[in-house]
Amino acid sequence: MTKPSATKETQTVHAAESVTKYMATNLITFKPESDINEVVNILLDKRITGAPVLNDKKEIVGIIDDKTCLKLLVGSEYYNNPNSNQPVKDFMDNVLKTVPESTTIAEAANLFLETKYKRLLVVDDHGKLVGQMSRRDVLRAVRDINTIRWKK
C-alpha cells in the first residue's frame, strides 16, 4: 500500500494583484445636502464607519465618517440644539486619498501603514469613483495570499 503524496497548491493571489479584486463596489454614498441625522442613522444601520460624499456629477467632494459625525454632538451641546438638521457638507472632511484602479494590494497596504487613512477611494482614469478599499479588505487579501491548501 502506497502513501498518498501531499502537494502544496497555493492561491493565485499575489501582493501585486490590483485592489479591484478586493475593493467594495456597491458603495453607500451621500450628497453634500444630505441630512446629517439621516447619515448617522444609515452608518449605524449598515454597520459602516464612513462613506464618500459625491456631488450631482458623481464627483468625490468629501468623506463623512464616524469621527466627523461626532462634531454633531459637540456642536449641538455648544449651541444647546440637540436636533440639528444640518447638511453633510457642514461635517464632511475633504482629507481623503484616492488611488487608481491599477494600485496593487501591496501599495494599498503600504499607504495604510504610512498614513492614518482607514479607507482608500478607488477611481477610474476619469477620476470617477469605482470602489473603496479598506484596511479590512487588505487583510482579506493577506489571508488569501497566505492560504495554502494541501492535496492528496
Protein backbone atom coordinates (compact mmCIF):
# COMPACT_ATOMS: atom_id res chain seq x y z
CA MET A 1 0.00 0.00 0.00
CA THR A 2 1.49 3.34 -1.01
CA LYS A 3 1.02 6.54 0.93
CA PRO A 4 -0.75 9.38 -0.86
CA SER A 5 1.64 12.20 -1.61
CA ALA A 6 0.76 15.68 -0.46
CA THR A 7 1.45 18.65 -2.71
CA LYS A 8 1.02 22.33 -2.00
CA GLU A 9 -1.42 24.23 -4.14
CA THR A 10 -1.19 27.94 -3.46
CA GLN A 11 -3.81 30.53 -4.23
CA THR A 12 -3.31 32.66 -7.30
CA VAL A 13 -3.40 35.81 -5.19
CA HIS A 14 -0.28 37.92 -5.07
CA ALA A 15 0.66 41.19 -3.40
CA ALA A 16 0.98 42.63 -6.92
CA GLU A 17 -2.73 41.95 -7.56
CA SER A 18 -4.91 45.01 -8.21
CA VAL A 19 -7.11 46.37 -5.43
CA THR A 20 -10.08 45.87 -7.76
CA LYS A 21 -10.22 42.21 -6.72
CA TYR A 22 -10.89 43.10 -3.07
CA MET A 23 -12.43 46.57 -3.07
CA ALA A 24 -16.05 47.19 -2.19
CA THR A 25 -18.03 48.30 -5.23
CA ASN A 26 -21.61 48.53 -4.01
CA LEU A 27 -20.97 51.68 -2.01
CA ILE A 28 -23.29 53.78 0.06
CA THR A 29 -22.66 57.40 -0.85
CA PHE A 30 -24.10 60.69 0.30
CA LYS A 31 -24.68 64.11 -1.23
CA PRO A 32 -23.43 67.33 0.38
CA GLU A 33 -27.06 68.29 1.02
CA SER A 34 -27.91 65.01 2.82
CA ASP A 35 -29.23 65.48 6.35
CA ILE A 36 -26.54 64.64 8.89
CA ASN A 37 -29.00 62.86 11.19
CA GLU A 38 -30.05 60.56 8.35
CA VAL A 39 -26.39 59.89 7.61
CA VAL A 40 -25.72 58.88 11.21
CA ASN A 41 -28.71 56.51 11.11
CA ILE A 42 -27.54 54.94 7.85
CA LEU A 43 -23.97 54.50 9.11
CA LEU A 44 -25.30 52.75 12.19
CA ASP A 45 -27.94 50.67 10.40
CA LYS A 46 -25.48 49.49 7.72
CA ARG A 47 -22.69 48.98 10.26
CA ILE A 48 -20.21 51.04 8.29
CA THR A 49 -17.83 53.66 9.59
CA GLY A 50 -17.94 56.09 6.70
CA ALA A 51 -18.85 56.82 3.10
CA PRO A 52 -17.85 59.08 0.22
CA VAL A 53 -19.75 62.29 -0.47
CA LEU A 54 -20.48 62.89 -4.17
CA ASN A 55 -21.89 65.90 -5.97
CA ASP A 56 -24.57 65.71 -8.68
CA LYS A 57 -21.89 64.95 -11.28
CA LYS A 58 -20.81 61.90 -9.19
CA GLU A 59 -17.50 63.61 -8.38
CA ILE A 60 -15.93 63.00 -4.98
CA VAL A 61 -16.19 66.14 -2.86
CA GLY A 62 -15.53 64.71 0.58
CA ILE A 63 -15.95 61.89 3.02
CA ILE A 64 -18.15 61.50 6.06
CA ASP A 65 -17.26 59.06 8.80
CA ASP A 66 -17.96 58.21 12.40
CA LYS A 67 -15.30 60.63 13.63
CA THR A 68 -16.58 63.62 11.67
CA CYS A 69 -20.14 62.82 12.80
CA LEU A 70 -19.00 63.34 16.39
CA LYS A 71 -18.99 67.06 15.56
CA LEU A 72 -22.78 66.77 15.67
CA LEU A 73 -22.74 66.09 19.41
CA VAL A 74 -20.09 68.67 20.21
CA GLY A 75 -21.79 71.38 18.14
CA SER A 76 -25.28 70.63 19.41
CA GLU A 77 -24.14 70.76 23.02
CA TYR A 78 -22.35 74.06 22.44
CA TYR A 79 -25.40 75.62 20.79
CA ASN A 80 -27.85 73.75 23.07
CA ASN A 81 -29.54 72.39 19.95
CA PRO A 82 -29.63 68.56 20.02
CA ASN A 83 -31.72 68.19 16.86
CA SER A 84 -29.54 69.63 14.15
CA ASN A 85 -30.84 69.33 10.59
CA GLN A 86 -27.58 70.44 9.08
CA PRO A 87 -26.29 69.12 5.77
CA VAL A 88 -23.39 66.70 5.42
CA LYS A 89 -21.28 69.45 3.81
CA ASP A 90 -21.05 71.11 7.25
CA PHE A 91 -19.47 67.96 8.71
CA MET A 92 -17.68 66.14 5.90
CA ASP A 93 -13.93 66.04 5.63
CA ASN A 94 -12.12 66.76 2.39
CA VAL A 95 -8.99 64.98 3.58
CA LEU A 96 -9.17 61.74 1.66
CA LYS A 97 -6.97 59.58 -0.51
CA THR A 98 -7.86 58.42 -3.99
CA VAL A 99 -5.93 55.74 -5.81
CA PRO A 100 -6.16 54.44 -9.38
CA GLU A 101 -7.62 51.02 -10.20
CA SER A 102 -4.09 49.83 -11.03
CA THR A 103 -2.99 50.19 -7.39
CA THR A 104 -1.72 46.88 -6.05
CA ILE A 105 -2.62 45.23 -2.76
CA ALA A 106 0.97 45.81 -1.59
CA GLU A 107 0.79 49.51 -2.47
CA ALA A 108 -2.53 49.85 -0.63
CA ALA A 109 -1.09 48.10 2.42
CA ASN A 110 1.90 50.43 2.34
CA LEU A 111 -0.36 53.51 2.15
CA PHE A 112 -2.31 52.29 5.16
CA LEU A 113 0.92 51.70 7.09
CA GLU A 114 2.35 55.13 6.25
CA THR A 115 -0.81 57.22 6.75
CA LYS A 116 -3.81 57.49 9.07
CA TYR A 117 -6.30 56.69 6.30
CA LYS A 118 -8.81 53.95 7.06
CA ARG A 119 -10.10 53.74 3.50
CA LEU A 120 -8.85 54.49 0.01
CA LEU A 121 -11.26 55.65 -2.68
CA VAL A 122 -10.55 53.84 -5.94
CA VAL A 123 -11.11 55.89 -9.09
CA ASP A 124 -11.03 55.18 -12.82
CA ASP A 125 -8.96 57.03 -15.42
CA HIS A 126 -11.55 59.85 -15.43
CA GLY A 127 -11.44 60.33 -11.65
CA LYS A 128 -14.85 58.73 -11.10
CA LEU A 129 -15.39 56.61 -8.01
CA VAL A 130 -15.44 52.87 -8.79
CA GLY A 131 -14.85 51.40 -5.34
CA GLN A 132 -13.37 51.65 -1.90
CA MET A 133 -10.52 49.73 -0.34
CA SER A 134 -10.42 49.43 3.45
CA ARG A 135 -7.79 48.05 5.78
CA ARG A 136 -10.07 45.07 6.29
CA ASP A 137 -10.10 44.44 2.53
CA VAL A 138 -6.30 44.30 2.56
CA LEU A 139 -6.47 41.82 5.45
CA ARG A 140 -8.73 39.60 3.34
CA ALA A 141 -6.09 39.68 0.61
CA VAL A 142 -3.37 38.83 3.15
CA ARG A 143 -5.43 35.86 4.31
CA ASP A 144 -5.87 34.67 0.73
CA ILE A 145 -2.19 35.13 -0.07
CA ASN A 146 -1.25 33.07 2.99
CA THR A 147 -3.79 30.33 2.38
CA ILE A 148 -2.30 27.02 1.39
CA ARG A 149 -4.39 24.01 0.52
CA TRP A 150 -2.95 20.53 0.64
CA LYS A 151 -3.98 17.99 -1.98
CA LYS A 152 -3.56 14.29 -1.62
